[in-house]
Amino acid sequence: MTQTTIESSLLVRPVARFVAIGLFLMAFFTTLWALWALYGLPTVVAVMLVAIFVALAVVFVINGVQLITSASRLPVPSDEESERRGRAMQLGFGITFATEGVIIAVVCALLGMSGAGAYFGPAIALVVGLHFIPFGFIFHRTIDFYIAGWVVIWAVIGIWLIASHSVDPALMASRVAVATACGTATYGIYMLRIKRAIVGALARS
């Protein structure tokens, strides 16, 4: 697919707004996972990591706002096929996101009732990693599968090491959280590239 084809497919208002929302979400979740580093990592290291990820989150938010502003200059798709695909993607995203939230709540409740709170971080990360897999199919993107693999591997390693008493649970949970923050930050950086493609195409139009 050529760059011109990619940009043409992005130059509609719903896509731009969807990417902007994605940037806001990645800013929030990257910050949230980064803050978990304060739980088990040495203070100096944790603060440095949090500062880096928060700085990235700020960049995501700024670019998301810029994209929302630019979106008003883009057309709304008028053909029926584009509208159908857009609705299908929104529905798929909503169902996946809601299902993720429910599963996380259930997993945390079960871990809490069984006194296995040490597994909270890696278990949540495992669910988060797995939820990127349906996104890959919904949005026809390979990056979702790579991020899913990265986060899931770290989550499984964390669960295994905590269960085998090989690593302090707080330290391992923080390591998994930082790895997950790397995943969400990578997703945000990918969306920055899409944002630049949209804005760049707008500037040339």
Protein backbone atom coordinates (compact mmCIF):
# COMPACT_ATOMS: atom_id res chain seq x y z
CA MET A 1 0.00 0.00 0.00
CA THR A 2 1.42 3.36 -0.96
CA GLN A 3 1.74 6.35 1.35
CA THR A 4 -0.88 8.20 -0.73
CA THR A 5 -3.35 5.33 -0.25
CA ILE A 6 -2.69 5.23 3.49
CA GLU A 7 -3.23 8.96 3.88
CA SER A 8 -6.41 8.92 1.77
CA SER A 9 -7.92 6.22 3.96
CA LEU A 10 -7.17 8.32 7.06
CA LEU A 11 -8.56 11.58 5.77
CA VAL A 12 -12.02 11.28 7.30
CA ARG A 13 -13.28 12.85 10.48
CA PRO A 14 -14.24 9.68 12.42
CA VAL A 15 -10.78 8.13 11.93
CA ALA A 16 -9.01 11.27 13.11
CA ARG A 17 -11.19 11.48 16.21
CA PHE A 18 -10.73 7.78 16.91
CA VAL A 19 -6.95 8.18 16.77
CA ALA A 20 -7.17 11.20 19.08
CA ILE A 21 -9.19 9.19 21.60
CA GLY A 22 -6.56 6.47 21.34
CA LEU A 23 -3.84 8.98 22.18
CA PHE A 24 -5.78 10.15 25.24
CA LEU A 25 -6.29 6.56 26.40
CA MET A 26 -2.62 5.67 25.92
CA ALA A 27 -1.63 8.79 27.87
CA PHE A 28 -3.85 7.73 30.77
CA PHE A 29 -2.87 4.05 30.85
CA THR A 30 0.84 4.70 30.28
CA THR A 31 0.82 7.03 33.29
CA LEU A 32 -1.20 4.58 35.36
CA TRP A 33 1.14 1.66 34.68
CA ALA A 34 4.23 3.81 35.17
CA LEU A 35 3.02 4.91 38.62
CA TRP A 36 2.99 1.25 39.64
CA ALA A 37 6.80 1.39 39.45
CA LEU A 38 6.69 3.34 42.73
CA TYR A 39 5.27 0.23 44.39
CA GLY A 40 8.33 -1.99 44.23
CA LEU A 41 11.26 -0.38 42.42
CA PRO A 42 13.96 1.72 44.13
CA THR A 43 12.64 5.26 44.58
CA VAL A 44 15.17 7.01 42.33
CA VAL A 45 14.67 4.54 39.49
CA ALA A 46 10.89 4.63 39.86
CA VAL A 47 10.73 8.44 39.86
CA MET A 48 12.92 8.62 36.74
CA LEU A 49 10.74 6.09 34.92
CA VAL A 50 7.54 7.85 35.95
CA ALA A 51 8.95 11.18 34.73
CA ILE A 52 9.81 9.68 31.33
CA PHE A 53 6.44 8.04 30.85
CA VAL A 54 4.51 11.09 32.08
CA ALA A 55 6.44 13.25 29.60
CA LEU A 56 5.37 10.84 26.84
CA ALA A 57 1.79 10.98 28.10
CA VAL A 58 1.84 14.78 27.88
CA VAL A 59 3.04 14.51 24.27
CA PHE A 60 0.17 12.11 23.53
CA VAL A 61 -2.39 14.49 25.02
CA ILE A 62 -1.04 17.53 23.17
CA ASN A 63 -1.10 15.68 19.86
CA GLY A 64 -4.55 14.30 20.60
CA VAL A 65 -5.89 17.82 21.14
CA GLN A 66 -4.23 18.98 17.93
CA LEU A 67 -5.80 16.11 16.02
CA ILE A 68 -9.26 16.81 17.45
CA THR A 69 -8.89 20.41 16.26
CA SER A 70 -7.75 19.31 12.79
CA ALA A 71 -10.55 16.75 12.54
CA SER A 72 -13.13 19.49 12.01
CA ARG A 73 -11.51 20.18 8.62
CA LEU A 74 -11.97 16.60 7.48
CA PRO A 75 -15.02 15.26 5.65
CA VAL A 76 -17.49 12.78 7.08
CA PRO A 77 -17.60 9.59 4.96
CA SER A 78 -20.74 9.55 2.88
CA ASP A 79 -20.60 6.09 1.29
CA GLU A 80 -22.52 3.32 2.98
CA GLU A 81 -19.58 0.86 3.10
CA SER A 82 -17.33 3.29 5.01
CA GLU A 83 -20.12 4.03 7.49
CA ARG A 84 -20.74 0.32 8.01
CA ARG A 85 -17.05 -0.40 8.62
CA GLY A 86 -16.80 2.56 10.99
CA ARG A 87 -19.75 1.36 13.06
CA ALA A 88 -18.34 -2.19 13.14
CA MET A 89 -14.98 -0.93 14.41
CA GLN A 90 -16.60 1.25 17.07
CA LEU A 91 -18.77 -1.65 18.22
CA GLY A 92 -15.82 -4.04 18.29
CA PHE A 93 -13.74 -1.56 20.24
CA GLY A 94 -16.52 -0.92 22.74
CA ILE A 95 -17.25 -4.60 23.34
CA THR A 96 -13.56 -5.48 23.72
CA PHE A 97 -12.89 -2.58 26.08
CA ALA A 98 -15.96 -3.34 28.22
CA THR A 99 -15.16 -7.06 28.33
CA GLU A 100 -11.62 -6.27 29.44
CA GLY A 101 -12.93 -4.16 32.31
CA VAL A 102 -15.34 -6.88 33.47
CA ILE A 103 -12.66 -9.60 33.32
CA ILE A 104 -10.19 -7.45 35.27
CA ALA A 105 -12.83 -6.80 37.95
CA VAL A 106 -13.64 -10.52 38.22
CA VAL A 107 -9.97 -11.56 38.31
CA CYS A 108 -9.15 -9.00 41.01
CA ALA A 109 -12.16 -10.07 43.07
CA LEU A 110 -11.16 -13.73 42.86
CA LEU A 111 -7.53 -12.97 43.74
CA GLY A 112 -8.63 -10.79 46.64
CA MET A 113 -10.96 -13.44 48.06
CA SER A 114 -8.25 -16.09 47.81
CA GLY A 115 -5.61 -13.91 49.47
CA ALA A 116 -3.48 -13.77 46.34
CA GLY A 117 -3.16 -10.00 46.11
CA ALA A 118 0.50 -10.33 45.10
CA TYR A 119 -0.69 -11.41 41.65
CA PHE A 120 -2.84 -8.33 41.01
CA GLY A 121 -0.34 -6.50 38.79
CA PRO A 122 0.74 -9.39 36.53
CA ALA A 123 -2.84 -10.72 36.31
CA ILE A 124 -4.21 -7.36 35.20
CA ALA A 125 -1.32 -7.00 32.74
CA LEU A 126 -2.16 -10.43 31.32
CA VAL A 127 -5.75 -9.35 30.62
CA VAL A 128 -4.54 -6.06 29.14
CA GLY A 129 -2.09 -7.86 26.88
CA LEU A 130 -4.73 -10.32 25.67
CA HIS A 131 -7.20 -7.53 24.87
CA PHE A 132 -4.85 -6.23 22.17
CA ILE A 133 -5.37 -9.45 20.16
CA PRO A 134 -8.98 -8.74 19.10
CA PHE A 135 -7.94 -5.16 18.34
CA GLY A 136 -5.50 -6.54 15.80
CA PHE A 137 -8.36 -8.25 13.97
CA ILE A 138 -10.80 -5.36 14.37
CA PHE A 139 -8.42 -2.70 13.03
CA HIS A 140 -6.40 -4.98 10.72
CA ARG A 141 -3.09 -4.00 12.34
CA THR A 142 -0.11 -6.20 13.19
CA ILE A 143 1.27 -3.87 15.88
CA ASP A 144 -1.53 -4.97 18.22
CA PHE A 145 -0.28 -8.56 18.08
CA TYR A 146 3.31 -7.52 18.83
CA ILE A 147 2.23 -5.43 21.82
CA ALA A 148 -0.03 -8.26 23.00
CA GLY A 149 2.86 -10.71 22.84
CA TRP A 150 5.21 -8.36 24.70
CA VAL A 151 2.81 -7.67 27.56
CA VAL A 152 1.55 -11.26 27.86
CA ILE A 153 5.09 -12.66 28.03
CA TRP A 154 6.03 -10.26 30.83
CA ALA A 155 2.78 -10.99 32.69
CA VAL A 156 3.29 -14.76 32.49
CA ILE A 157 6.91 -14.43 33.62
CA GLY A 158 5.76 -12.27 36.53
CA ILE A 159 3.09 -14.75 37.61
CA TRP A 160 5.53 -17.65 37.34
CA LEU A 161 8.31 -15.95 39.31
CA ILE A 162 5.94 -14.82 42.05
CA ALA A 163 4.46 -18.31 42.29
CA SER A 164 7.92 -19.88 42.50
CA HIS A 165 8.99 -17.35 45.18
CA SER A 166 11.99 -16.43 43.01
CA VAL A 167 11.46 -12.65 43.17
CA ASP A 168 9.90 -10.26 45.64
CA PRO A 169 6.24 -9.88 44.52
CA ALA A 170 6.28 -6.07 44.78
CA LEU A 171 9.45 -5.83 42.71
CA MET A 172 8.11 -8.22 40.07
CA ALA A 173 4.76 -6.44 39.89
CA SER A 174 6.56 -3.17 39.27
CA ARG A 175 8.73 -4.70 36.56
CA VAL A 176 5.65 -6.07 34.80
CA ALA A 177 3.96 -2.69 35.15
CA VAL A 178 6.91 -0.90 33.53
CA ALA A 179 6.91 -3.45 30.71
CA THR A 180 3.18 -2.84 30.22
CA ALA A 181 3.77 0.92 30.22
CA CYS A 182 6.33 0.34 27.47
CA GLY A 183 3.64 -1.48 25.50
CA THR A 184 1.02 1.25 25.86
CA ALA A 185 3.63 3.93 25.16
CA THR A 186 4.64 2.11 21.97
CA TYR A 187 0.99 2.04 20.95
CA GLY A 188 0.79 5.78 21.58
CA ILE A 189 3.91 6.42 19.51
CA TYR A 190 2.38 4.41 16.68
CA MET A 191 -0.71 6.64 16.88
CA LEU A 192 1.52 9.71 16.76
CA ARG A 193 2.74 8.49 13.37
CA ILE A 194 -0.86 8.20 12.16
CA LYS A 195 -1.59 11.68 13.50
CA ARG A 196 1.38 13.12 11.63
CA ALA A 197 0.22 11.38 8.43
CA ILE A 198 -3.25 12.90 8.78
CA VAL A 199 -2.03 16.41 9.58
CA GLY A 200 0.64 16.22 6.87
CA ALA A 201 -1.93 15.19 4.26
CA LEU A 202 -4.21 18.01 5.40
CA ALA A 203 -1.41 20.53 5.00
CA ARG A 204 -0.82 19.38 1.41
CA SER A 205 -4.50 19.39 0.47
